[in-house]
Amino acid sequence: MNTTDSIAVASTPKKRPAPVTYLLALIFIVFFGILIGAYVATKRANPIMLDLHGKPLDSQSQGSH
């Protein structure tokens, strides 16, 4: 085996990732974007808990029931 054979083997061109890889990466980014958006929206929300009659519950009285 001469030196030109080993150089030819070592300089193989790099393969590009399959298009499916880019699609999965995009889906991954969109999924986590939705999760982060939902988390931020729920942190900003200020829900008011209602009793069975539609009246707001006091936060003090929830522990006594």
PDB file of N, CA and C in Angstrom:
ATOM      1  N   MET A   1       0.863  -1.166   0.000  1.00  0.00           N
ATOM      2  CA  MET A   1       0.000   0.000   0.000  1.00  0.00           C
ATOM      3  C   MET A   1       0.911   1.232   0.000  1.00  0.00           C
ATOM      4  N   ASN A   2       0.671   2.140  -0.910  1.00  0.00           N
ATOM      5  CA  ASN A   2       1.489   3.351  -0.944  1.00  0.00           C
ATOM      6  C   ASN A   2       0.770   4.502  -0.247  1.00  0.00           C
ATOM      7  N   THR A   3       1.413   5.631  -0.112  1.00  0.00           N
ATOM      8  CA  THR A   3       0.866   6.747   0.664  1.00  0.00           C
ATOM      9  C   THR A   3      -0.317   7.420  -0.013  1.00  0.00           C
ATOM     10  N   THR A   4      -0.460   7.339  -1.301  1.00  0.00           N
ATOM     11  CA  THR A   4      -1.596   7.990  -1.967  1.00  0.00           C
ATOM     12  C   THR A   4      -2.905   7.295  -1.637  1.00  0.00           C
ATOM     13  N   ASP A   5      -2.887   5.981  -1.389  1.00  0.00           N
ATOM     14  CA  ASP A   5      -4.112   5.272  -1.024  1.00  0.00           C
ATOM     15  C   ASP A   5      -4.621   5.711   0.348  1.00  0.00           C
ATOM     16  N   SER A   6      -3.731   5.870   1.298  1.00  0.00           N
ATOM     17  CA  SER A   6      -4.162   6.265   2.633  1.00  0.00           C
ATOM     18  C   SER A   6      -4.664   7.705   2.653  1.00  0.00           C
ATOM     19  N   ILE A   7      -4.102   8.566   1.829  1.00  0.00           N
ATOM     20  CA  ILE A   7      -4.580   9.952   1.747  1.00  0.00           C
ATOM     21  C   ILE A   7      -5.961  10.005   1.117  1.00  0.00           C
ATOM     22  N   ALA A   8      -6.201   9.194   0.114  1.00  0.00           N
ATOM     23  CA  ALA A   8      -7.497   9.187  -0.556  1.00  0.00           C
ATOM     24  C   ALA A   8      -8.594   8.697   0.392  1.00  0.00           C
ATOM     25  N   VAL A   9      -8.284   7.740   1.226  1.00  0.00           N
ATOM     26  CA  VAL A   9      -9.273   7.220   2.175  1.00  0.00           C
ATOM     27  C   VAL A   9      -9.561   8.255   3.257  1.00  0.00           C
ATOM     28  N   ALA A  10      -8.546   8.969   3.702  1.00  0.00           N
ATOM     29  CA  ALA A  10      -8.704   9.923   4.787  1.00  0.00           C
ATOM     30  C   ALA A  10      -9.450  11.180   4.355  1.00  0.00           C
ATOM     31  N   SER A  11      -9.485  11.488   3.075  1.00  0.00           N
ATOM     32  CA  SER A  11     -10.108  12.727   2.625  1.00  0.00           C
ATOM     33  C   SER A  11     -11.481  12.495   2.007  1.00  0.00           C
ATOM     34  N   THR A  12     -12.270  11.587   2.577  1.00  0.00           N
ATOM     35  CA  THR A  12     -13.620  11.361   2.059  1.00  0.00           C
ATOM     36  C   THR A  12     -14.476  12.577   2.374  1.00  0.00           C
ATOM     37  N   PRO A  13     -15.345  12.953   1.465  1.00  0.00           N
ATOM     38  CA  PRO A  13     -16.180  14.148   1.710  1.00  0.00           C
ATOM     39  C   PRO A  13     -17.185  13.892   2.834  1.00  0.00           C
ATOM     40  N   LYS A  14     -17.483  14.944   3.585  1.00  0.00           N
ATOM     41  CA  LYS A  14     -18.452  14.824   4.679  1.00  0.00           C
ATOM     42  C   LYS A  14     -19.861  14.753   4.101  1.00  0.00           C
ATOM     43  N   LYS A  15     -20.672  13.913   4.706  1.00  0.00           N
ATOM     44  CA  LYS A  15     -22.065  13.783   4.263  1.00  0.00           C
ATOM     45  C   LYS A  15     -22.910  14.878   4.894  1.00  0.00           C
ATOM     46  N   ARG A  16     -23.854  15.368   4.152  1.00  0.00           N
ATOM     47  CA  ARG A  16     -24.817  16.330   4.700  1.00  0.00           C
ATOM     48  C   ARG A  16     -25.892  15.567   5.448  1.00  0.00           C
ATOM     49  N   PRO A  17     -26.452  16.169   6.502  1.00  0.00           N
ATOM     50  CA  PRO A  17     -27.543  15.491   7.220  1.00  0.00           C
ATOM     51  C   PRO A  17     -28.765  15.324   6.312  1.00  0.00           C
ATOM     52  N   ALA A  18     -29.507  14.290   6.565  1.00  0.00           N
ATOM     53  CA  ALA A  18     -30.711  14.019   5.788  1.00  0.00           C
ATOM     54  C   ALA A  18     -31.746  15.126   6.029  1.00  0.00           C
ATOM     55  N   PRO A  19     -32.602  15.402   5.050  1.00  0.00           N
ATOM     56  CA  PRO A  19     -33.652  16.422   5.249  1.00  0.00           C
ATOM     57  C   PRO A  19     -34.570  16.112   6.424  1.00  0.00           C
ATOM     58  N   VAL A  20     -34.723  14.829   6.751  1.00  0.00           N
ATOM     59  CA  VAL A  20     -35.570  14.455   7.889  1.00  0.00           C
ATOM     60  C   VAL A  20     -34.986  15.023   9.180  1.00  0.00           C
ATOM     61  N   THR A  21     -33.676  15.130   9.259  1.00  0.00           N
ATOM     62  CA  THR A  21     -33.032  15.695  10.446  1.00  0.00           C
ATOM     63  C   THR A  21     -33.452  17.145  10.643  1.00  0.00           C
ATOM     64  N   TYR A  22     -33.487  17.902   9.565  1.00  0.00           N
ATOM     65  CA  TYR A  22     -33.915  19.301   9.659  1.00  0.00           C
ATOM     66  C   TYR A  22     -35.393  19.403  10.030  1.00  0.00           C
ATOM     67  N   LEU A  23     -36.206  18.507   9.502  1.00  0.00           N
ATOM     68  CA  LEU A  23     -37.634  18.509   9.835  1.00  0.00           C
ATOM     69  C   LEU A  23     -37.843  18.196  11.319  1.00  0.00           C
ATOM     70  N   LEU A  24     -37.132  17.197  11.824  1.00  0.00           N
ATOM     71  CA  LEU A  24     -37.261  16.852  13.240  1.00  0.00           C
ATOM     72  C   LEU A  24     -36.753  17.973  14.141  1.00  0.00           C
ATOM     73  N   ALA A  25     -35.696  18.636  13.733  1.00  0.00           N
ATOM     74  CA  ALA A  25     -35.192  19.770  14.512  1.00  0.00           C
ATOM     75  C   ALA A  25     -36.225  20.894  14.541  1.00  0.00           C
ATOM     76  N   LEU A  26     -36.865  21.152  13.418  1.00  0.00           N
ATOM     77  CA  LEU A  26     -37.899  22.192  13.366  1.00  0.00           C
ATOM     78  C   LEU A  26     -39.080  21.831  14.264  1.00  0.00           C
ATOM     79  N   ILE A  27     -39.505  20.583  14.221  1.00  0.00           N
ATOM     80  CA  ILE A  27     -40.614  20.136  15.075  1.00  0.00           C
ATOM     81  C   ILE A  27     -40.231  20.268  16.548  1.00  0.00           C
ATOM     82  N   PHE A  28     -39.005  19.911  16.885  1.00  0.00           N
ATOM     83  CA  PHE A  28     -38.498  20.018  18.254  1.00  0.00           C
ATOM     84  C   PHE A  28     -38.546  21.468  18.726  1.00  0.00           C
ATOM     85  N   ILE A  29     -38.089  22.388  17.900  1.00  0.00           N
ATOM     86  CA  ILE A  29     -38.063  23.808  18.264  1.00  0.00           C
ATOM     87  C   ILE A  29     -39.482  24.349  18.425  1.00  0.00           C
ATOM     88  N   VAL A  30     -40.376  23.996  17.508  1.00  0.00           N
ATOM     89  CA  VAL A  30     -41.765  24.466  17.597  1.00  0.00           C
ATOM     90  C   VAL A  30     -42.440  23.905  18.850  1.00  0.00           C
ATOM     91  N   PHE A  31     -42.217  22.635  19.141  1.00  0.00           N
ATOM     92  CA  PHE A  31     -42.823  22.014  20.315  1.00  0.00           C
ATOM     93  C   PHE A  31     -42.399  22.719  21.598  1.00  0.00           C
ATOM     94  N   PHE A  32     -41.092  22.955  21.746  1.00  0.00           N
ATOM     95  CA  PHE A  32     -40.636  23.621  22.956  1.00  0.00           C
ATOM     96  C   PHE A  32     -41.028  25.091  22.974  1.00  0.00           C
ATOM     97  N   GLY A  33     -41.181  25.705  21.819  1.00  0.00           N
ATOM     98  CA  GLY A  33     -41.694  27.071  21.772  1.00  0.00           C
ATOM     99  C   GLY A  33     -43.124  27.144  22.295  1.00  0.00           C
ATOM    100  N   ILE A  34     -43.926  26.167  21.920  1.00  0.00           N
ATOM    101  CA  ILE A  34     -45.308  26.115  22.412  1.00  0.00           C
ATOM    102  C   ILE A  34     -45.327  25.877  23.920  1.00  0.00           C
ATOM    103  N   LEU A  35     -44.475  24.975  24.400  1.00  0.00           N
ATOM    104  CA  LEU A  35     -44.424  24.720  25.842  1.00  0.00           C
ATOM    105  C   LEU A  35     -44.027  25.974  26.623  1.00  0.00           C
ATOM    106  N   ILE A  36     -43.036  26.684  26.133  1.00  0.00           N
ATOM    107  CA  ILE A  36     -42.590  27.903  26.816  1.00  0.00           C
ATOM    108  C   ILE A  36     -43.678  28.965  26.758  1.00  0.00           C
ATOM    109  N   GLY A  37     -44.344  29.093  25.609  1.00  0.00           N
ATOM    110  CA  GLY A  37     -45.435  30.056  25.487  1.00  0.00           C
ATOM    111  C   GLY A  37     -46.588  29.756  26.432  1.00  0.00           C
ATOM    112  N   ALA A  38     -46.929  28.481  26.554  1.00  0.00           N
ATOM    113  CA  ALA A  38     -48.004  28.094  27.482  1.00  0.00           C
ATOM    114  C   ALA A  38     -47.598  28.354  28.925  1.00  0.00           C
ATOM    115  N   TYR A  39     -46.338  28.091  29.252  1.00  0.00           N
ATOM    116  CA  TYR A  39     -45.858  28.346  30.609  1.00  0.00           C
ATOM    117  C   TYR A  39     -45.932  29.833  30.946  1.00  0.00           C
ATOM    118  N   VAL A  40     -45.483  30.675  30.033  1.00  0.00           N
ATOM    119  CA  VAL A  40     -45.513  32.123  30.266  1.00  0.00           C
ATOM    120  C   VAL A  40     -46.957  32.614  30.388  1.00  0.00           C
ATOM    121  N   ALA A  41     -47.845  32.096  29.549  1.00  0.00           N
ATOM    122  CA  ALA A  41     -49.246  32.522  29.600  1.00  0.00           C
ATOM    123  C   ALA A  41     -49.902  32.122  30.923  1.00  0.00           C
ATOM    124  N   THR A  42     -49.591  30.932  31.426  1.00  0.00           N
ATOM    125  CA  THR A  42     -50.201  30.521  32.690  1.00  0.00           C
ATOM    126  C   THR A  42     -49.615  31.286  33.877  1.00  0.00           C
ATOM    127  N   LYS A  43     -48.367  31.701  33.775  1.00  0.00           N
ATOM    128  CA  LYS A  43     -47.786  32.500  34.859  1.00  0.00           C
ATOM    129  C   LYS A  43     -48.386  33.903  34.891  1.00  0.00           C
ATOM    130  N   ARG A  44     -48.734  34.440  33.730  1.00  0.00           N
ATOM    131  CA  ARG A  44     -49.326  35.783  33.676  1.00  0.00           C
ATOM    132  C   ARG A  44     -50.796  35.784  34.074  1.00  0.00           C
ATOM    133  N   ALA A  45     -51.463  34.651  33.921  1.00  0.00           N
ATOM    134  CA  ALA A  45     -52.896  34.580  34.216  1.00  0.00           C
ATOM    135  C   ALA A  45     -53.128  34.718  35.716  1.00  0.00           C
ATOM    136  N   ASN A  46     -54.238  35.302  36.055  1.00  0.00           N
ATOM    137  CA  ASN A  46     -54.611  35.459  37.448  1.00  0.00           C
ATOM    138  C   ASN A  46     -56.006  34.860  37.623  1.00  0.00           C
ATOM    139  N   PRO A  47     -56.098  33.532  37.695  1.00  0.00           N
ATOM    140  CA  PRO A  47     -57.424  32.910  37.751  1.00  0.00           C
ATOM    141  C   PRO A  47     -58.114  33.169  39.083  1.00  0.00           C
ATOM    142  N   ILE A  48     -59.419  33.225  39.026  1.00  0.00           N
ATOM    143  CA  ILE A  48     -60.242  33.384  40.223  1.00  0.00           C
ATOM    144  C   ILE A  48     -61.036  32.098  40.383  1.00  0.00           C
ATOM    145  N   MET A  49     -60.817  31.406  41.476  1.00  0.00           N
ATOM    146  CA  MET A  49     -61.519  30.160  41.723  1.00  0.00           C
ATOM    147  C   MET A  49     -62.942  30.467  42.192  1.00  0.00           C
ATOM    148  N   LEU A  50     -63.904  29.743  41.633  1.00  0.00           N
ATOM    149  CA  LEU A  50     -65.304  29.948  41.979  1.00  0.00           C
ATOM    150  C   LEU A  50     -65.835  28.744  42.724  1.00  0.00           C
ATOM    151  N   ASP A  51     -66.815  29.004  43.603  1.00  0.00           N
ATOM    152  CA  ASP A  51     -67.462  27.891  44.283  1.00  0.00           C
ATOM    153  C   ASP A  51     -68.570  27.333  43.399  1.00  0.00           C
ATOM    154  N   LEU A  52     -69.379  26.428  43.942  1.00  0.00           N
ATOM    155  CA  LEU A  52     -70.438  25.799  43.148  1.00  0.00           C
ATOM    156  C   LEU A  52     -71.521  26.773  42.718  1.00  0.00           C
ATOM    157  N   HIS A  53     -71.634  27.907  43.388  1.00  0.00           N
ATOM    158  CA  HIS A  53     -72.663  28.897  43.068  1.00  0.00           C
ATOM    159  C   HIS A  53     -72.124  30.032  42.205  1.00  0.00           C
ATOM    160  N   GLY A  54     -70.878  29.956  41.811  1.00  0.00           N
ATOM    161  CA  GLY A  54     -70.293  30.973  40.944  1.00  0.00           C
ATOM    162  C   GLY A  54     -69.718  32.167  41.668  1.00  0.00           C
ATOM    163  N   LYS A  55     -69.608  32.080  42.973  1.00  0.00           N
ATOM    164  CA  LYS A  55     -69.033  33.182  43.740  1.00  0.00           C
ATOM    165  C   LYS A  55     -67.551  32.934  43.949  1.00  0.00           C
ATOM    166  N   PRO A  56     -66.742  33.979  43.933  1.00  0.00           N
ATOM    167  CA  PRO A  56     -65.300  33.777  44.136  1.00  0.00           C
ATOM    168  C   PRO A  56     -64.987  33.205  45.501  1.00  0.00           C
ATOM    169  N   LEU A  57     -64.058  32.285  45.522  1.00  0.00           N
ATOM    170  CA  LEU A  57     -63.604  31.702  46.778  1.00  0.00           C
ATOM    171  C   LEU A  57     -62.550  32.608  47.383  1.00  0.00           C
ATOM    172  N   ASP A  58     -62.572  32.728  48.719  1.00  0.00           N
ATOM    173  CA  ASP A  58     -61.506  33.448  49.408  1.00  0.00           C
ATOM    174  C   ASP A  58     -60.311  32.507  49.535  1.00  0.00           C
ATOM    175  N   SER A  59     -59.128  33.034  49.345  1.00  0.00           N
ATOM    176  CA  SER A  59     -57.943  32.178  49.476  1.00  0.00           C
ATOM    177  C   SER A  59     -57.755  31.732  50.915  1.00  0.00           C
ATOM    178  N   GLN A  60     -58.268  32.481  51.874  1.00  0.00           N
ATOM    179  CA  GLN A  60     -58.147  32.121  53.281  1.00  0.00           C
ATOM    180  C   GLN A  60     -59.031  30.916  53.609  1.00  0.00           C
ATOM    181  N   SER A  61     -60.213  30.843  52.997  1.00  0.00           N
ATOM    182  CA  SER A  61     -61.170  29.812  53.364  1.00  0.00           C
ATOM    183  C   SER A  61     -60.905  28.497  52.660  1.00  0.00           C
ATOM    184  N   GLN A  62     -60.008  28.438  51.683  1.00  0.00           N
ATOM    185  CA  GLN A  62     -59.751  27.177  50.990  1.00  0.00           C
ATOM    186  C   GLN A  62     -59.075  26.176  51.921  1.00  0.00           C
ATOM    187  N   GLY A  63     -58.233  26.626  52.805  1.00  0.00           N
ATOM    188  CA  GLY A  63     -57.532  25.697  53.704  1.00  0.00           C
ATOM    189  C   GLY A  63     -58.443  25.126  54.771  1.00  0.00           C
ATOM    190  N   SER A  64     -59.549  25.782  55.102  1.00  0.00           N
ATOM    191  CA  SER A  64     -60.402  25.307  56.175  1.00  0.00           C
ATOM    192  C   SER A  64     -61.394  24.239  55.720  1.00  0.00           C
ATOM    193  N   HIS A  65     -61.591  24.069  54.425  1.00  0.00           N
ATOM    194  CA  HIS A  65     -62.563  23.074  53.957  1.00  0.00           C
ATOM    195  C   HIS A  65     -61.954  21.738  53.869  1.00  0.00           C
TER     196      HIS A  65
END
